[in-house]
Amino acid sequence: MSLAEFFEAVGVRGFLHARRLGSAASVGFDADAPVVLASVVKVPLAFEFARQVAAGLLDPTDRVHASAADRLGGTGSAGFADDVSYSLRDAALLALSVSDNTAADLLFDRVGVDNVRSLLAELGLTRTSVIGAPRDVLRTIIEDTAAGVPLRALDPLRTSSTTPREMTALLSAIWAAEEGAPVREWMTAQVSWHRLTAGFPPEVAVAGKTGTMPGIRNEIGVARYPDGAEYAVAVFTAGGTETLRRPDIDRAIGEAARAAVDQLRS
């Protein structure tokens, strides 16, 4: 079964890139097409935060306060009924483990959107753009919905976007950098196991980060095999807008990722 067929079978467009870490070996399908980042944006955010901590620019124990005005709704503190405070380090954990949008907003405030953009430029990820924090993307959705126009948030040419190939390059940088260690831990703590992780056998450890919007289902991550080989995988899909719950698309993401890695291992 070709990589394209995994996506065709569930009625979506798929975009994929996989590379073996420490090697030039890679495989892909539409790997250079622009795709919507959605919550995958929290990965470069967390990496820049970790770099600033390592450089002594931020204290990871400094606290942020999530008030009613900050809560966007959703998982983690974004959906809390009451105000709460936590450390910057825990904000990063919340952003990656449960995709907490409020935690990501508060972390963006401290880290700086421009600094995340500078990180991407430093890594040579010229096709990855960040328009702002999750609250900024939500603002475009509210404005476009009120105006009755197509949502910018679902258009990779008008919102935070990337390519699958650039996301595996980002993962390679995180896995190679000493200051990437906490990011690797936070991604390992992700609670969503229904996409990439579901495609691999239990003995393969997967650290990942999902991204979800109507018609958008993504995940990037690294699969580590018992023999020590590690593979960065980035899978993005577009389509299936009728409902957010599409386990068949989720399964296809994992199965396509596994097939790509199998190609590399063979």
Protein backbone atom coordinates (compact mmCIF):
# COMPACT_ATOMS: atom_id res chain seq x y z
CA MET A 1 0.00 0.00 0.00
CA SER A 2 1.47 3.35 -1.03
CA LEU A 3 1.59 6.30 1.36
CA ALA A 4 -1.02 8.11 -0.73
CA GLU A 5 -3.47 5.21 -0.41
CA PHE A 6 -3.63 5.47 3.38
CA PHE A 7 -5.09 8.97 3.01
CA GLU A 8 -7.22 8.26 -0.05
CA ALA A 9 -8.93 5.42 1.82
CA VAL A 10 -10.34 7.86 4.40
CA GLY A 11 -11.12 10.70 1.98
CA VAL A 12 -8.50 13.26 2.97
CA ARG A 13 -5.40 14.83 1.49
CA GLY A 14 -2.27 13.69 3.24
CA PHE A 15 1.18 15.20 3.56
CA LEU A 16 4.04 13.26 5.16
CA HIS A 17 7.77 13.27 5.74
CA ALA A 18 9.91 10.86 7.74
CA ARG A 19 13.64 10.80 8.33
CA ARG A 20 16.00 8.65 10.32
CA LEU A 21 17.73 10.84 12.89
CA GLY A 22 21.47 11.07 12.35
CA SER A 23 21.09 10.00 8.74
CA ALA A 24 20.25 11.53 5.37
CA ALA A 25 17.69 8.79 4.73
CA SER A 26 14.13 10.06 4.33
CA VAL A 27 10.83 9.33 2.60
CA GLY A 28 7.85 11.54 1.95
CA PHE A 29 4.59 12.25 0.21
CA ASP A 30 3.81 15.87 -0.71
CA ALA A 31 6.44 16.69 1.90
CA ASP A 32 7.00 20.24 0.68
CA ALA A 33 3.36 21.31 0.44
CA PRO A 34 2.21 24.11 2.78
CA VAL A 35 0.11 22.81 5.68
CA VAL A 36 -1.66 24.37 8.68
CA LEU A 37 0.39 24.14 11.89
CA ALA A 38 -2.53 24.29 14.34
CA SER A 39 -1.28 23.20 17.79
CA VAL A 40 1.96 21.84 16.37
CA VAL A 41 3.11 25.47 16.76
CA LYS A 42 3.60 24.65 20.44
CA VAL A 43 6.69 22.59 19.60
CA PRO A 44 8.88 25.46 18.33
CA LEU A 45 7.44 27.59 21.15
CA ALA A 46 8.59 25.06 23.75
CA PHE A 47 12.01 24.70 22.09
CA GLU A 48 12.60 28.45 22.14
CA PHE A 49 11.49 28.54 25.79
CA ALA A 50 13.97 25.78 26.64
CA ARG A 51 16.74 27.63 24.79
CA GLN A 52 16.02 30.84 26.68
CA VAL A 53 16.09 28.96 29.98
CA ALA A 54 19.43 27.36 29.05
CA ALA A 55 20.79 30.81 28.18
CA GLY A 56 19.69 32.22 31.54
CA LEU A 57 17.15 34.57 29.94
CA LEU A 58 14.12 33.01 31.64
CA ASP A 59 13.63 31.38 35.03
CA PRO A 60 11.52 28.23 34.51
CA THR A 61 10.06 28.61 38.01
CA ASP A 62 8.63 32.08 37.32
CA ARG A 63 4.86 31.93 37.58
CA VAL A 64 2.07 33.01 35.24
CA HIS A 65 -1.57 33.59 36.15
CA ALA A 66 -4.41 32.25 34.01
CA SER A 67 -7.48 34.39 34.58
CA ALA A 68 -10.93 34.25 33.01
CA ALA A 69 -9.77 36.65 30.30
CA ASP A 70 -7.05 34.19 29.29
CA ARG A 71 -9.17 31.05 29.09
CA LEU A 72 -10.08 30.10 25.52
CA GLY A 73 -11.89 26.88 26.38
CA GLY A 74 -10.58 23.40 25.76
CA THR A 75 -8.11 21.18 27.56
CA GLY A 76 -6.01 21.99 30.61
CA SER A 77 -6.23 25.41 32.20
CA ALA A 78 -7.91 26.75 29.04
CA GLY A 79 -11.08 25.04 30.24
CA PHE A 80 -10.79 25.66 33.98
CA ALA A 81 -13.69 27.23 35.87
CA ASP A 82 -11.39 29.19 38.18
CA ASP A 83 -8.20 31.22 38.02
CA VAL A 84 -4.94 29.34 38.48
CA SER A 85 -1.21 30.03 38.46
CA TYR A 86 1.66 27.78 37.49
CA SER A 87 5.33 28.00 36.57
CA LEU A 88 6.59 28.69 33.06
CA ARG A 89 8.00 25.17 33.03
CA ASP A 90 4.57 23.74 33.82
CA ALA A 91 3.03 25.98 31.18
CA ALA A 92 5.29 24.30 28.63
CA LEU A 93 4.34 20.86 29.98
CA LEU A 94 0.63 21.72 29.75
CA ALA A 95 1.02 23.10 26.23
CA LEU A 96 2.67 19.92 24.94
CA SER A 97 1.09 17.19 27.06
CA VAL A 98 -2.58 18.23 26.84
CA SER A 99 -2.36 20.98 24.20
CA ASP A 100 -3.43 23.69 26.67
CA ASN A 101 -4.01 26.83 24.56
CA THR A 102 -4.07 29.20 27.53
CA ALA A 103 -0.75 27.84 28.81
CA ALA A 104 0.68 28.33 25.31
CA ASP A 105 -0.62 31.91 25.17
CA LEU A 106 0.98 32.76 28.51
CA LEU A 107 4.23 31.12 27.43
CA PHE A 108 4.22 33.04 24.13
CA ASP A 109 3.85 36.25 26.17
CA ARG A 110 7.10 35.49 28.01
CA VAL A 111 9.07 33.88 25.18
CA GLY A 112 8.00 36.33 22.45
CA VAL A 113 6.48 35.50 19.08
CA ASP A 114 9.37 37.25 17.32
CA ASN A 115 11.86 35.05 19.16
CA VAL A 116 10.06 31.92 17.98
CA ARG A 117 10.25 33.29 14.43
CA SER A 118 13.96 33.98 14.91
CA LEU A 119 14.49 30.38 16.03
CA LEU A 120 12.81 29.09 12.88
CA ALA A 121 14.96 31.39 10.73
CA GLU A 122 18.11 30.26 12.57
CA LEU A 123 17.22 26.64 11.80
CA GLY A 124 16.67 27.48 8.14
CA LEU A 125 12.94 26.72 8.30
CA THR A 126 12.05 29.46 5.85
CA ARG A 127 8.67 27.98 4.93
CA THR A 128 7.41 27.85 8.49
CA SER A 129 5.46 30.94 9.59
CA VAL A 130 3.90 31.83 12.94
CA ILE A 131 1.23 34.54 12.89
CA GLY A 132 0.99 34.57 16.68
CA ALA A 133 -0.21 32.69 19.75
CA PRO A 134 -3.35 30.48 19.83
CA ARG A 135 -5.43 33.49 20.91
CA ASP A 136 -4.37 35.29 17.71
CA VAL A 137 -5.54 32.39 15.54
CA LEU A 138 -8.83 32.31 17.48
CA ARG A 139 -9.25 36.02 16.83
CA THR A 140 -9.08 35.41 13.07
CA ILE A 141 -11.72 32.67 13.39
CA ILE A 142 -14.08 35.00 15.28
CA GLU A 143 -13.56 37.80 12.77
CA ASP A 144 -14.00 35.57 9.72
CA THR A 145 -17.05 33.83 11.15
CA ALA A 146 -18.70 37.20 11.86
CA ALA A 147 -17.91 38.36 8.32
CA GLY A 148 -19.15 35.11 6.78
CA VAL A 149 -15.91 34.53 4.86
CA PRO A 150 -13.64 31.47 4.60
CA LEU A 151 -11.55 30.97 7.71
CA ARG A 152 -7.96 32.12 7.45
CA ALA A 153 -7.13 29.60 10.19
CA LEU A 154 -7.75 26.72 7.77
CA ASP A 155 -5.69 28.19 4.92
CA PRO A 156 -1.94 27.52 5.13
CA LEU A 157 -1.28 30.59 3.01
CA ARG A 158 -3.01 32.86 5.54
CA THR A 159 -2.28 31.37 8.96
CA SER A 160 0.55 29.72 10.91
CA SER A 161 1.92 27.10 8.56
CA THR A 162 4.82 24.84 7.68
CA THR A 163 5.73 21.81 5.56
CA PRO A 164 6.17 18.21 6.72
CA ARG A 165 9.84 18.27 5.70
CA GLU A 166 10.52 21.36 7.82
CA MET A 167 8.85 19.80 10.84
CA THR A 168 11.07 16.72 10.72
CA ALA A 169 14.01 19.11 10.44
CA LEU A 170 12.76 20.88 13.58
CA LEU A 171 12.47 17.55 15.40
CA SER A 172 15.99 16.62 14.30
CA ALA A 173 17.28 19.88 15.80
CA ILE A 174 15.41 19.29 19.08
CA TRP A 175 16.66 15.72 19.40
CA ALA A 176 20.24 16.79 18.65
CA ALA A 177 20.37 19.76 21.04
CA GLU A 178 21.24 19.52 24.71
CA GLU A 179 18.67 22.22 25.48
CA GLY A 180 16.08 20.12 23.65
CA ALA A 181 16.00 17.59 26.51
CA PRO A 182 12.99 19.10 28.35
CA VAL A 183 11.06 19.40 25.07
CA ARG A 184 11.64 15.72 24.44
CA GLU A 185 10.32 14.94 27.92
CA TRP A 186 7.22 17.13 27.46
CA MET A 187 6.44 15.52 24.11
CA THR A 188 6.81 12.07 25.64
CA ALA A 189 4.16 13.12 28.20
CA GLN A 190 1.55 13.83 25.51
CA VAL A 191 -1.73 12.10 26.42
CA SER A 192 -2.99 11.73 22.83
CA TRP A 193 -2.09 8.23 21.66
CA HIS A 194 -4.66 7.87 18.89
CA ARG A 195 -2.58 9.05 15.91
CA LEU A 196 1.16 8.42 15.60
CA THR A 197 1.48 6.21 18.67
CA ALA A 198 -1.40 3.98 17.58
CA GLY A 199 0.49 3.10 14.40
CA PHE A 200 3.49 1.58 16.17
CA PRO A 201 3.90 -1.56 18.29
CA PRO A 202 4.10 -1.16 22.09
CA GLU A 203 7.86 -1.62 22.20
CA VAL A 204 8.35 1.54 20.10
CA ALA A 205 8.38 4.72 22.21
CA VAL A 206 6.72 7.71 20.55
CA ALA A 207 7.07 11.34 21.61
CA GLY A 208 4.67 13.59 19.72
CA LYS A 209 2.46 16.64 19.41
CA THR A 210 -0.91 16.72 17.71
CA GLY A 211 -2.74 19.59 16.05
CA THR A 212 -6.48 19.62 15.39
CA MET A 213 -8.96 22.03 13.82
CA PRO A 214 -12.07 21.42 11.71
CA GLY A 215 -10.78 19.53 8.70
CA ILE A 216 -7.19 19.62 10.02
CA ARG A 217 -5.54 16.66 11.79
CA ASN A 218 -1.80 16.62 12.34
CA GLU A 219 0.92 15.08 14.42
CA ILE A 220 4.67 15.31 14.47
CA GLY A 221 6.88 13.14 16.61
CA VAL A 222 9.83 10.82 17.01
CA ALA A 223 9.57 7.03 17.17
CA ARG A 224 12.38 5.26 19.04
CA TYR A 225 12.87 1.54 18.35
CA PRO A 226 14.37 -0.96 20.83
CA ASP A 227 17.55 -1.07 18.72
CA GLY A 228 18.07 2.64 19.41
CA ALA A 229 17.15 3.90 15.94
CA GLU A 230 15.01 7.04 15.99
CA TYR A 231 12.74 8.36 13.26
CA ALA A 232 11.21 11.83 13.00
CA VAL A 233 7.78 11.78 11.37
CA ALA A 234 5.43 14.61 10.43
CA VAL A 235 1.94 13.82 9.13
CA PHE A 236 -0.66 16.43 8.19
CA THR A 237 -4.14 15.90 6.74
CA ALA A 238 -6.78 18.18 5.24
CA GLY A 239 -10.41 17.14 4.83
CA GLY A 240 -13.08 15.32 6.81
CA THR A 241 -14.70 18.54 8.02
CA GLU A 242 -18.06 17.06 8.91
CA THR A 243 -16.98 16.23 12.46
CA LEU A 244 -13.95 16.60 14.69
CA ARG A 245 -14.20 12.93 15.67
CA ARG A 246 -12.81 10.82 12.83
CA PRO A 247 -10.98 7.81 14.29
CA ASP A 248 -10.49 6.43 10.79
CA ILE A 249 -8.39 9.48 9.85
CA ASP A 250 -6.50 9.25 13.13
CA ARG A 251 -5.68 5.61 12.40
CA ALA A 252 -4.58 6.48 8.86
CA ILE A 253 -2.10 9.01 10.26
CA GLY A 254 -0.50 6.36 12.45
CA GLU A 255 -0.55 3.68 9.78
CA ALA A 256 1.00 5.96 7.16
CA ALA A 257 3.70 7.01 9.64
CA ARG A 258 4.48 3.38 10.43
CA ALA A 259 4.63 2.51 6.71
CA ALA A 260 7.05 5.38 6.08
CA VAL A 261 9.31 4.28 8.91
CA ASP A 262 9.13 0.67 7.70
CA GLN A 263 10.43 1.90 4.33
CA LEU A 264 13.35 3.57 6.05
CA ARG A 265 14.10 0.51 8.19
CA SER A 266 14.08 -1.77 5.17
